[in-house]
Structures are given as C-alpha cells and as structure tokens.
C-alpha cells in the first residue's frame, strides 16, 4: 500500500485510522488462502512508529487459529526499511454462503 497526501492525519504522517482499516482488511484476507471468508468481529492494533506519507508499506496477515465459527489472525505492517510500523490482531466470523433460492 502506498499512502499519499489524502491519507495524512498529523502533518506528513499517515492517519492512524487508515492504519486500523488496513489491519482490519488484512485480518479477513488472512483466511483467503485457507478457503475462509469472514467478517471482522473484533480488532485491535498498535502503532509502533510514525508512518510517513509516500513510502510503500508491506502488509502481512497470517491465520493463527481456526474454529467452526471463525478464525483469528495477526497482521504486521512494515516500512520499506523492514522496521515494524504497526501490528494488530483480531477475530473474524466465517461468512456463510447465501442459501439457494427455493
């Protein structure tokens, strides 16, 4: 993800709420390689350092626990130099496919 000027919160820094949204999205995408699509039920995130605008961020999500009803994932966001900028975790409920039309 490459944040630009529209993503500024504090001068020259990415808005923390946008980082929270990225963590939320990556929680869900962590289930995709396992055939799971969910909706976020709970999310927490921590900003570890200021995130400058104009630097490409590396986002990683990893599924760490699975149950019948949902899954838990962890997320990391790194700056181009590899340093940890933010991290998060959360629970997703598995989205049930729509019922076939009768």
PDB file of N, CA and C in Angstrom:
ATOM      1  N   UNK A   1       0.850  -1.173   0.000  1.00  0.00           N
ATOM      2  CA  UNK A   1       0.000   0.000   0.000  1.00  0.00           C
ATOM      3  C   UNK A   1       0.894   1.233   0.000  1.00  0.00           C
ATOM      4  N   UNK A   2       0.570   2.188  -0.851  1.00  0.00           N
ATOM      5  CA  UNK A   2       1.355   3.417  -0.938  1.00  0.00           C
ATOM      6  C   UNK A   2       0.492   4.598  -0.511  1.00  0.00           C
ATOM      7  N   UNK A   3       0.622   5.062   0.748  1.00  0.00           N
ATOM      8  CA  UNK A   3      -0.174   6.199   1.208  1.00  0.00           C
ATOM      9  C   UNK A   3       0.266   7.501   0.544  1.00  0.00           C
ATOM     10  N   UNK A   4      -0.710   8.364   0.266  1.00  0.00           N
ATOM     11  CA  UNK A   4      -0.393   9.656  -0.351  1.00  0.00           C
ATOM     12  C   UNK A   4      -1.033  10.787   0.453  1.00  0.00           C
ATOM     13  N   UNK A   5      -0.986  11.987  -0.056  1.00  0.00           N
ATOM     14  CA  UNK A   5      -1.387  13.187   0.688  1.00  0.00           C
ATOM     15  C   UNK A   5      -2.803  13.118   1.262  1.00  0.00           C
ATOM     16  N   UNK A   6      -3.722  12.453   0.574  1.00  0.00           N
ATOM     17  CA  UNK A   6      -5.101  12.356   1.082  1.00  0.00           C
ATOM     18  C   UNK A   6      -5.189  11.502   2.351  1.00  0.00           C
ATOM     19  N   UNK A   7      -4.124  10.791   2.686  1.00  0.00           N
ATOM     20  CA  UNK A   7      -4.123   9.908   3.850  1.00  0.00           C
ATOM     21  C   UNK A   7      -3.456  10.535   5.079  1.00  0.00           C
ATOM     22  N   UNK A   8      -3.146  11.819   5.004  1.00  0.00           N
ATOM     23  CA  UNK A   8      -2.452  12.496   6.108  1.00  0.00           C
ATOM     24  C   UNK A   8      -3.383  12.708   7.295  1.00  0.00           C
ATOM     25  N   UNK A   9      -2.858  12.425   8.484  1.00  0.00           N
ATOM     26  CA  UNK A   9      -3.531  12.759   9.735  1.00  0.00           C
ATOM     27  C   UNK A   9      -2.731  13.889  10.351  1.00  0.00           C
ATOM     28  N   UNK A  10      -1.713  13.554  11.091  1.00  0.00           N
ATOM     29  CA  UNK A  10      -0.749  14.505  11.627  1.00  0.00           C
ATOM     30  C   UNK A  10       0.139  14.931  10.456  1.00  0.00           C
ATOM     31  N   UNK A  11       0.632  16.159  10.422  1.00  0.00           N
ATOM     32  CA  UNK A  11       1.431  16.595   9.262  1.00  0.00           C
ATOM     33  C   UNK A  11       2.516  15.593   8.855  1.00  0.00           C
ATOM     34  N   UNK A  12       2.520  15.252   7.579  1.00  0.00           N
ATOM     35  CA  UNK A  12       3.495  14.349   6.964  1.00  0.00           C
ATOM     36  C   UNK A  12       3.398  12.902   7.437  1.00  0.00           C
ATOM     37  N   UNK A  13       2.347  12.563   8.180  1.00  0.00           N
ATOM     38  CA  UNK A  13       2.191  11.202   8.703  1.00  0.00           C
ATOM     39  C   UNK A  13       0.843  10.631   8.278  1.00  0.00           C
ATOM     40  N   UNK A  14       0.792   9.304   8.102  1.00  0.00           N
ATOM     41  CA  UNK A  14      -0.450   8.623   7.733  1.00  0.00           C
ATOM     42  C   UNK A  14      -1.398   8.625   8.937  1.00  0.00           C
ATOM     43  N   UNK A  15      -2.665   8.868   8.675  1.00  0.00           N
ATOM     44  CA  UNK A  15      -3.692   8.888   9.714  1.00  0.00           C
ATOM     45  C   UNK A  15      -3.794   7.508  10.362  1.00  0.00           C
ATOM     46  N   UNK A  16      -3.810   7.451  11.676  1.00  0.00           N
ATOM     47  CA  UNK A  16      -3.875   6.185  12.402  1.00  0.00           C
ATOM     48  C   UNK A  16      -5.133   5.385  12.101  1.00  0.00           C
ATOM     49  N   UNK A  17      -6.238   6.069  11.821  1.00  0.00           N
ATOM     50  CA  UNK A  17      -7.469   5.360  11.483  1.00  0.00           C
ATOM     51  C   UNK A  17      -7.345   4.579  10.187  1.00  0.00           C
ATOM     52  N   UNK A  18      -6.577   5.103   9.248  1.00  0.00           N
ATOM     53  CA  UNK A  18      -6.346   4.379   7.995  1.00  0.00           C
ATOM     54  C   UNK A  18      -5.541   3.110   8.263  1.00  0.00           C
ATOM     55  N   UNK A  19      -4.578   3.203   9.159  1.00  0.00           N
ATOM     56  CA  UNK A  19      -3.797   2.020   9.527  1.00  0.00           C
ATOM     57  C   UNK A  19      -4.716   0.972  10.156  1.00  0.00           C
ATOM     58  N   UNK A  20      -5.643   1.417  10.993  1.00  0.00           N
ATOM     59  CA  UNK A  20      -6.622   0.496  11.578  1.00  0.00           C
ATOM     60  C   UNK A  20      -7.459  -0.194  10.517  1.00  0.00           C
ATOM     61  N   UNK A  21      -7.851   0.543   9.479  1.00  0.00           N
ATOM     62  CA  UNK A  21      -8.626  -0.043   8.391  1.00  0.00           C
ATOM     63  C   UNK A  21      -7.805  -1.095   7.633  1.00  0.00           C
ATOM     64  N   UNK A  22      -6.510  -0.800   7.407  1.00  0.00           N
ATOM     65  CA  UNK A  22      -5.648  -1.758   6.721  1.00  0.00           C
ATOM     66  C   UNK A  22      -5.499  -3.046   7.544  1.00  0.00           C
ATOM     67  N   UNK A  23      -5.342  -2.902   8.850  1.00  0.00           N
ATOM     68  CA  UNK A  23      -5.256  -4.077   9.725  1.00  0.00           C
ATOM     69  C   UNK A  23      -6.552  -4.881   9.615  1.00  0.00           C
ATOM     70  N   UNK A  24      -7.685  -4.209   9.691  1.00  0.00           N
ATOM     71  CA  UNK A  24      -8.988  -4.861   9.587  1.00  0.00           C
ATOM     72  C   UNK A  24      -9.089  -5.666   8.285  1.00  0.00           C
ATOM     73  N   UNK A  25      -8.736  -5.061   7.167  1.00  0.00           N
ATOM     74  CA  UNK A  25      -8.804  -5.754   5.868  1.00  0.00           C
ATOM     75  C   UNK A  25      -7.888  -6.968   5.825  1.00  0.00           C
ATOM     76  N   UNK A  26      -6.679  -6.819   6.335  1.00  0.00           N
ATOM     77  CA  UNK A  26      -5.724  -7.926   6.286  1.00  0.00           C
ATOM     78  C   UNK A  26      -6.132  -9.088   7.189  1.00  0.00           C
ATOM     79  N   UNK A  27      -6.882  -8.807   8.269  1.00  0.00           N
ATOM     80  CA  UNK A  27      -7.394  -9.887   9.113  1.00  0.00           C
ATOM     81  C   UNK A  27      -8.262 -10.822   8.278  1.00  0.00           C
ATOM     82  N   UNK A  28      -9.145 -10.240   7.491  1.00  0.00           N
ATOM     83  CA  UNK A  28     -10.050 -11.024   6.655  1.00  0.00           C
ATOM     84  C   UNK A  28      -9.282 -11.759   5.567  1.00  0.00           C
ATOM     85  N   UNK A  29      -8.363 -11.050   4.888  1.00  0.00           N
ATOM     86  CA  UNK A  29      -7.607 -11.670   3.795  1.00  0.00           C
ATOM     87  C   UNK A  29      -6.691 -12.794   4.266  1.00  0.00           C
ATOM     88  N   UNK A  30      -6.352 -12.829   5.541  1.00  0.00           N
ATOM     89  CA  UNK A  30      -5.513 -13.919   6.059  1.00  0.00           C
ATOM     90  C   UNK A  30      -6.219 -15.263   5.961  1.00  0.00           C
ATOM     91  N   UNK A  31      -7.532 -15.263   5.939  1.00  0.00           N
ATOM     92  CA  UNK A  31      -8.278 -16.514   5.818  1.00  0.00           C
ATOM     93  C   UNK A  31      -8.411 -17.009   4.390  1.00  0.00           C
ATOM     94  N   UNK A  32      -8.257 -16.111   3.403  1.00  0.00           N
ATOM     95  CA  UNK A  32      -8.499 -16.455   1.993  1.00  0.00           C
ATOM     96  C   UNK A  32      -7.674 -17.644   1.483  1.00  0.00           C
ATOM     97  N   UNK A  33      -6.369 -17.725   1.768  1.00  0.00           N
ATOM     98  CA  UNK A  33      -5.612 -18.872   1.265  1.00  0.00           C
ATOM     99  C   UNK A  33      -6.091 -20.215   1.829  1.00  0.00           C
ATOM    100  N   UNK A  34      -6.892 -20.152   2.889  1.00  0.00           N
ATOM    101  CA  UNK A  34      -7.411 -21.361   3.533  1.00  0.00           C
ATOM    102  C   UNK A  34      -8.870 -21.621   3.143  1.00  0.00           C
ATOM    103  N   UNK A  35      -9.360 -20.848   2.170  1.00  0.00           N
ATOM    104  CA  UNK A  35     -10.739 -21.001   1.719  1.00  0.00           C
ATOM    105  C   UNK A  35     -11.755 -20.400   2.666  1.00  0.00           C
ATOM    106  N   UNK A  36     -11.310 -19.513   3.539  1.00  0.00           N
ATOM    107  CA  UNK A  36     -12.203 -18.893   4.528  1.00  0.00           C
ATOM    108  C   UNK A  36     -12.437 -17.427   4.192  1.00  0.00           C
ATOM    109  N   UNK A  37     -13.693 -17.014   4.207  1.00  0.00           N
ATOM    110  CA  UNK A  37     -14.027 -15.598   4.073  1.00  0.00           C
ATOM    111  C   UNK A  37     -14.835 -15.221   5.286  1.00  0.00           C
ATOM    112  N   UNK A  38     -14.393 -14.193   5.951  1.00  0.00           N
ATOM    113  CA  UNK A  38     -15.064 -13.801   7.175  1.00  0.00           C
ATOM    114  C   UNK A  38     -15.366 -12.326   7.229  1.00  0.00           C
ATOM    115  N   UNK A  39     -15.997 -11.963   8.317  1.00  0.00           N
ATOM    116  CA  UNK A  39     -16.272 -10.561   8.629  1.00  0.00           C
ATOM    117  C   UNK A  39     -15.645 -10.290   9.993  1.00  0.00           C
ATOM    118  N   UNK A  40     -15.011  -9.156  10.133  1.00  0.00           N
ATOM    119  CA  UNK A  40     -14.326  -8.833  11.379  1.00  0.00           C
ATOM    120  C   UNK A  40     -15.324  -8.694  12.521  1.00  0.00           C
ATOM    121  N   UNK A  41     -15.056  -9.403  13.597  1.00  0.00           N
ATOM    122  CA  UNK A  41     -15.872  -9.316  14.805  1.00  0.00           C
ATOM    123  C   UNK A  41     -15.159  -8.497  15.881  1.00  0.00           C
ATOM    124  N   UNK A  42     -13.829  -8.551  15.874  1.00  0.00           N
ATOM    125  CA  UNK A  42     -13.036  -7.853  16.903  1.00  0.00           C
ATOM    126  C   UNK A  42     -11.668  -7.551  16.308  1.00  0.00           C
ATOM    127  N   UNK A  43     -11.205  -6.330  16.524  1.00  0.00           N
ATOM    128  CA  UNK A  43      -9.883  -5.949  16.008  1.00  0.00           C
ATOM    129  C   UNK A  43      -9.193  -5.041  17.017  1.00  0.00           C
ATOM    130  N   UNK A  44      -7.877  -5.228  17.155  1.00  0.00           N
ATOM    131  CA  UNK A  44      -7.024  -4.347  17.960  1.00  0.00           C
ATOM    132  C   UNK A  44      -5.774  -4.084  17.149  1.00  0.00           C
ATOM    133  N   UNK A  45      -5.241  -2.873  17.285  1.00  0.00           N
ATOM    134  CA  UNK A  45      -3.988  -2.586  16.586  1.00  0.00           C
ATOM    135  C   UNK A  45      -3.154  -1.601  17.381  1.00  0.00           C
ATOM    136  N   UNK A  46      -1.851  -1.654  17.105  1.00  0.00           N
ATOM    137  CA  UNK A  46      -0.886  -0.812  17.794  1.00  0.00           C
ATOM    138  C   UNK A  46      -0.014  -0.113  16.759  1.00  0.00           C
ATOM    139  N   UNK A  47       0.118   1.186  16.897  1.00  0.00           N
ATOM    140  CA  UNK A  47       1.017   1.958  16.037  1.00  0.00           C
ATOM    141  C   UNK A  47       2.376   1.967  16.721  1.00  0.00           C
ATOM    142  N   UNK A  48       3.383   1.410  16.069  1.00  0.00           N
ATOM    143  CA  UNK A  48       4.692   1.263  16.686  1.00  0.00           C
ATOM    144  C   UNK A  48       5.658   2.401  16.384  1.00  0.00           C
ATOM    145  N   UNK A  49       5.403   3.129  15.278  1.00  0.00           N
ATOM    146  CA  UNK A  49       6.238   4.294  14.931  1.00  0.00           C
ATOM    147  C   UNK A  49       5.463   5.145  13.949  1.00  0.00           C
ATOM    148  N   UNK A  50       5.828   6.420  13.820  1.00  0.00           N
ATOM    149  CA  UNK A  50       5.153   7.270  12.825  1.00  0.00           C
ATOM    150  C   UNK A  50       5.333   6.687  11.421  1.00  0.00           C
ATOM    151  N   UNK A  51       4.284   6.770  10.631  1.00  0.00           N
ATOM    152  CA  UNK A  51       4.313   6.226   9.273  1.00  0.00           C
ATOM    153  C   UNK A  51       4.272   7.391   8.292  1.00  0.00           C
ATOM    154  N   UNK A  52       5.374   7.622   7.587  1.00  0.00           N
ATOM    155  CA  UNK A  52       5.423   8.754   6.669  1.00  0.00           C
ATOM    156  C   UNK A  52       4.588   8.521   5.408  1.00  0.00           C
ATOM    157  N   UNK A  53       4.049   9.594   4.883  1.00  0.00           N
ATOM    158  CA  UNK A  53       3.316   9.557   3.619  1.00  0.00           C
ATOM    159  C   UNK A  53       4.327   9.378   2.486  1.00  0.00           C
ATOM    160  N   UNK A  54       3.940   8.633   1.444  1.00  0.00           N
ATOM    161  CA  UNK A  54       4.797   8.487   0.277  1.00  0.00           C
ATOM    162  C   UNK A  54       5.769   7.330   0.320  1.00  0.00           C
ATOM    163  N   UNK A  55       5.722   6.515   1.376  1.00  0.00           N
ATOM    164  CA  UNK A  55       6.583   5.335   1.451  1.00  0.00           C
ATOM    165  C   UNK A  55       5.712   4.095   1.384  1.00  0.00           C
ATOM    166  N   UNK A  56       6.085   3.159   0.513  1.00  0.00           N
ATOM    167  CA  UNK A  56       5.279   1.954   0.324  1.00  0.00           C
ATOM    168  C   UNK A  56       5.346   1.061   1.559  1.00  0.00           C
ATOM    169  N   UNK A  57       4.180   0.639   2.006  1.00  0.00           N
ATOM    170  CA  UNK A  57       4.083  -0.220   3.182  1.00  0.00           C
ATOM    171  C   UNK A  57       3.900  -1.672   2.758  1.00  0.00           C
ATOM    172  N   UNK A  58       4.483  -2.569   3.527  1.00  0.00           N
ATOM    173  CA  UNK A  58       4.329  -4.003   3.299  1.00  0.00           C
ATOM    174  C   UNK A  58       3.358  -4.534   4.350  1.00  0.00           C
ATOM    175  N   UNK A  59       2.271  -5.139   3.913  1.00  0.00           N
ATOM    176  CA  UNK A  59       1.242  -5.654   4.807  1.00  0.00           C
ATOM    177  C   UNK A  59       1.238  -7.174   4.755  1.00  0.00           C
ATOM    178  N   UNK A  60       1.186  -7.803   5.924  1.00  0.00           N
ATOM    179  CA  UNK A  60       1.154  -9.262   6.007  1.00  0.00           C
ATOM    180  C   UNK A  60       0.099  -9.683   7.019  1.00  0.00           C
ATOM    181  N   UNK A  61      -0.737 -10.627   6.619  1.00  0.00           N
ATOM    182  CA  UNK A  61      -1.729 -11.204   7.517  1.00  0.00           C
ATOM    183  C   UNK A  61      -1.500 -12.700   7.611  1.00  0.00           C
ATOM    184  N   UNK A  62      -1.684 -13.238   8.792  1.00  0.00           N
ATOM    185  CA  UNK A  62      -1.443 -14.678   9.000  1.00  0.00           C
ATOM    186  C   UNK A  62      -2.547 -15.252   9.884  1.00  0.00           C
ATOM    187  N   UNK A  63      -3.175 -16.318   9.424  1.00  0.00           N
ATOM    188  CA  UNK A  63      -4.179 -17.024  10.204  1.00  0.00           C
ATOM    189  C   UNK A  63      -3.461 -17.811  11.296  1.00  0.00           C
ATOM    190  N   UNK A  64      -3.884 -17.672  12.538  1.00  0.00           N
ATOM    191  CA  UNK A  64      -3.199 -18.363  13.638  1.00  0.00           C
ATOM    192  C   UNK A  64      -4.094 -19.337  14.391  1.00  0.00           C
ATOM    193  N   UNK A  65      -5.417 -19.221  14.192  1.00  0.00           N
ATOM    194  CA  UNK A  65      -6.327 -20.131  14.884  1.00  0.00           C
ATOM    195  C   UNK A  65      -7.628 -20.213  14.090  1.00  0.00           C
ATOM    196  N   UNK A  66      -8.205 -21.399  14.079  1.00  0.00           N
ATOM    197  CA  UNK A  66      -9.435 -21.606  13.319  1.00  0.00           C
ATOM    198  C   UNK A  66     -10.409 -22.428  14.149  1.00  0.00           C
ATOM    199  N   UNK A  67     -11.688 -22.102  14.044  1.00  0.00           N
ATOM    200  CA  UNK A  67     -12.731 -22.892  14.691  1.00  0.00           C
ATOM    201  C   UNK A  67     -13.871 -23.062  13.687  1.00  0.00           C
ATOM    202  N   UNK A  68     -14.916 -23.728  14.133  1.00  0.00           N
ATOM    203  CA  UNK A  68     -16.069 -23.942  13.261  1.00  0.00           C
ATOM    204  C   UNK A  68     -16.721 -22.626  12.848  1.00  0.00           C
ATOM    205  N   UNK A  69     -16.754 -21.664  13.755  1.00  0.00           N
ATOM    206  CA  UNK A  69     -17.473 -20.408  13.515  1.00  0.00           C
ATOM    207  C   UNK A  69     -16.600 -19.257  13.040  1.00  0.00           C
ATOM    208  N   UNK A  70     -15.277 -19.370  13.195  1.00  0.00           N
ATOM    209  CA  UNK A  70     -14.452 -18.226  12.830  1.00  0.00           C
ATOM    210  C   UNK A  70     -12.973 -18.536  12.850  1.00  0.00           C
ATOM    211  N   UNK A  71     -12.197 -17.450  12.789  1.00  0.00           N
ATOM    212  CA  UNK A  71     -10.749 -17.605  12.827  1.00  0.00           C
ATOM    213  C   UNK A  71     -10.108 -16.359  13.423  1.00  0.00           C
ATOM    214  N   UNK A  72      -8.883 -16.549  13.906  1.00  0.00           N
ATOM    215  CA  UNK A  72      -8.100 -15.457  14.482  1.00  0.00           C
ATOM    216  C   UNK A  72      -6.892 -15.236  13.598  1.00  0.00           C
ATOM    217  N   UNK A  73      -6.564 -13.961  13.363  1.00  0.00           N
ATOM    218  CA  UNK A  73      -5.425 -13.603  12.521  1.00  0.00           C
ATOM    219  C   UNK A  73      -4.579 -12.549  13.208  1.00  0.00           C
ATOM    220  N   UNK A  74      -3.327 -12.478  12.775  1.00  0.00           N
ATOM    221  CA  UNK A  74      -2.428 -11.407  13.196  1.00  0.00           C
ATOM    222  C   UNK A  74      -1.930 -10.701  11.939  1.00  0.00           C
ATOM    223  N   UNK A  75      -1.624  -9.419  12.095  1.00  0.00           N
ATOM    224  CA  UNK A  75      -1.224  -8.576  10.962  1.00  0.00           C
ATOM    225  C   UNK A  75       0.003  -7.767  11.349  1.00  0.00           C
ATOM    226  N   UNK A  76       0.916  -7.601  10.395  1.00  0.00           N
ATOM    227  CA  UNK A  76       2.041  -6.679  10.581  1.00  0.00           C
ATOM    228  C   UNK A  76       2.105  -5.733   9.389  1.00  0.00           C
ATOM    229  N   UNK A  77       2.548  -4.521   9.673  1.00  0.00           N
ATOM    230  CA  UNK A  77       2.771  -3.511   8.629  1.00  0.00           C
ATOM    231  C   UNK A  77       4.192  -3.004   8.803  1.00  0.00           C
ATOM    232  N   UNK A  78       4.990  -3.122   7.738  1.00  0.00           N
ATOM    233  CA  UNK A  78       6.395  -2.719   7.789  1.00  0.00           C
ATOM    234  C   UNK A  78       6.683  -1.568   6.833  1.00  0.00           C
ATOM    235  N   UNK A  79       7.651  -0.753   7.226  1.00  0.00           N
ATOM    236  CA  UNK A  79       8.161   0.321   6.376  1.00  0.00           C
ATOM    237  C   UNK A  79       9.146  -0.279   5.366  1.00  0.00           C
ATOM    238  N   UNK A  80       9.525   0.481   4.333  1.00  0.00           N
ATOM    239  CA  UNK A  80      10.455  -0.054   3.329  1.00  0.00           C
ATOM    240  C   UNK A  80      11.778  -0.568   3.897  1.00  0.00           C
ATOM    241  N   UNK A  81      12.238  -0.002   5.017  1.00  0.00           N
ATOM    242  CA  UNK A  81      13.499  -0.466   5.609  1.00  0.00           C
ATOM    243  C   UNK A  81      13.326  -1.740   6.441  1.00  0.00           C
ATOM    244  N   UNK A  82      12.093  -2.276   6.479  1.00  0.00           N
ATOM    245  CA  UNK A  82      11.819  -3.505   7.216  1.00  0.00           C
ATOM    246  C   UNK A  82      11.380  -3.296   8.650  1.00  0.00           C
ATOM    247  N   UNK A  83      11.401  -2.066   9.134  1.00  0.00           N
ATOM    248  CA  UNK A  83      11.014  -1.827  10.525  1.00  0.00           C
ATOM    249  C   UNK A  83       9.501  -1.948  10.696  1.00  0.00           C
ATOM    250  N   UNK A  84       9.103  -2.443  11.859  1.00  0.00           N
ATOM    251  CA  UNK A  84       7.696  -2.633  12.179  1.00  0.00           C
ATOM    252  C   UNK A  84       7.047  -1.287  12.454  1.00  0.00           C
ATOM    253  N   UNK A  85       6.013  -0.957  11.673  1.00  0.00           N
ATOM    254  CA  UNK A  85       5.312   0.316  11.837  1.00  0.00           C
ATOM    255  C   UNK A  85       4.027   0.149  12.640  1.00  0.00           C
ATOM    256  N   UNK A  86       3.359  -0.989  12.447  1.00  0.00           N
ATOM    257  CA  UNK A  86       2.108  -1.257  13.156  1.00  0.00           C
ATOM    258  C   UNK A  86       1.863  -2.758  13.155  1.00  0.00           C
ATOM    259  N   UNK A  87       1.036  -3.189  14.110  1.00  0.00           N
ATOM    260  CA  UNK A  87       0.644  -4.590  14.160  1.00  0.00           C
ATOM    261  C   UNK A  87      -0.744  -4.674  14.762  1.00  0.00           C
ATOM    262  N   UNK A  88      -1.396  -5.785  14.516  1.00  0.00           N
ATOM    263  CA  UNK A  88      -2.743  -5.947  15.035  1.00  0.00           C
ATOM    264  C   UNK A  88      -3.144  -7.403  15.085  1.00  0.00           C
ATOM    265  N   UNK A  89      -4.309  -7.624  15.669  1.00  0.00           N
ATOM    266  CA  UNK A  89      -4.862  -8.964  15.766  1.00  0.00           C
ATOM    267  C   UNK A  89      -6.368  -8.849  15.823  1.00  0.00           C
ATOM    268  N   UNK A  90      -7.037  -9.933  15.517  1.00  0.00           N
ATOM    269  CA  UNK A  90      -8.484  -9.890  15.586  1.00  0.00           C
ATOM    270  C   UNK A  90      -9.125 -11.217  15.291  1.00  0.00           C
ATOM    271  N   UNK A  91     -10.432 -11.218  15.469  1.00  0.00           N
ATOM    272  CA  UNK A  91     -11.258 -12.389  15.225  1.00  0.00           C
ATOM    273  C   UNK A  91     -12.219 -12.083  14.090  1.00  0.00           C
ATOM    274  N   UNK A  92     -12.417 -13.076  13.233  1.00  0.00           N
ATOM    275  CA  UNK A  92     -13.385 -12.963  12.147  1.00  0.00           C
ATOM    276  C   UNK A  92     -14.395 -14.095  12.278  1.00  0.00           C
ATOM    277  N   UNK A  93     -15.657 -13.792  12.002  1.00  0.00           N
ATOM    278  CA  UNK A  93     -16.659 -14.843  11.923  1.00  0.00           C
ATOM    279  C   UNK A  93     -16.731 -15.282  10.472  1.00  0.00           C
ATOM    280  N   UNK A  94     -16.883 -16.574  10.266  1.00  0.00           N
ATOM    281  CA  UNK A  94     -16.934 -17.099   8.906  1.00  0.00           C
ATOM    282  C   UNK A  94     -18.255 -16.700   8.267  1.00  0.00           C
ATOM    283  N   UNK A  95     -18.150 -16.147   7.097  1.00  0.00           N
ATOM    284  CA  UNK A  95     -19.332 -15.705   6.354  1.00  0.00           C
ATOM    285  C   UNK A  95     -19.953 -16.919   5.691  1.00  0.00           C
ATOM    286  N   UNK A  96     -21.207 -17.138   5.999  1.00  0.00           N
ATOM    287  CA  UNK A  96     -21.927 -18.271   5.428  1.00  0.00           C
ATOM    288  C   UNK A  96     -22.394 -17.935   4.016  1.00  0.00           C
ATOM    289  N   UNK A  97     -22.271 -18.877   3.091  1.00  0.00           N
ATOM    290  CA  UNK A  97     -22.761 -18.614   1.740  1.00  0.00           C
ATOM    291  C   UNK A  97     -24.262 -18.424   1.747  1.00  0.00           C
ATOM    292  N   UNK A  98     -24.793 -17.642   0.800  1.00  0.00           N
ATOM    293  CA  UNK A  98     -26.250 -17.445   0.770  1.00  0.00           C
ATOM    294  C   UNK A  98     -26.981 -18.761   0.504  1.00  0.00           C
ATOM    295  N   UNK A  99     -28.181 -18.858   1.030  1.00  0.00           N
ATOM    296  CA  UNK A  99     -28.998 -20.056   0.813  1.00  0.00           C
ATOM    297  C   UNK A  99     -29.458 -20.119  -0.632  1.00  0.00           C
ATOM    298  N   UNK A 100     -29.515 -21.317  -1.196  1.00  0.00           N
ATOM    299  CA  UNK A 100     -30.002 -21.434  -2.580  1.00  0.00           C
ATOM    300  C   UNK A 100     -31.460 -20.985  -2.660  1.00  0.00           C
ATOM    301  N   UNK A 101     -31.817 -20.360  -3.772  1.00  0.00           N
ATOM    302  CA  UNK A 101     -33.198 -19.894  -3.968  1.00  0.00           C
ATOM    303  C   UNK A 101     -34.119 -21.099  -4.091  1.00  0.00           C
ATOM    304  N   UNK A 102     -35.275 -21.011  -3.453  1.00  0.00           N
ATOM    305  CA  UNK A 102     -36.231 -22.139  -3.487  1.00  0.00           C
ATOM    306  C   UNK A 102     -37.135 -22.041  -4.687  1.00  0.00           C
TER     307      UNK A 102
END
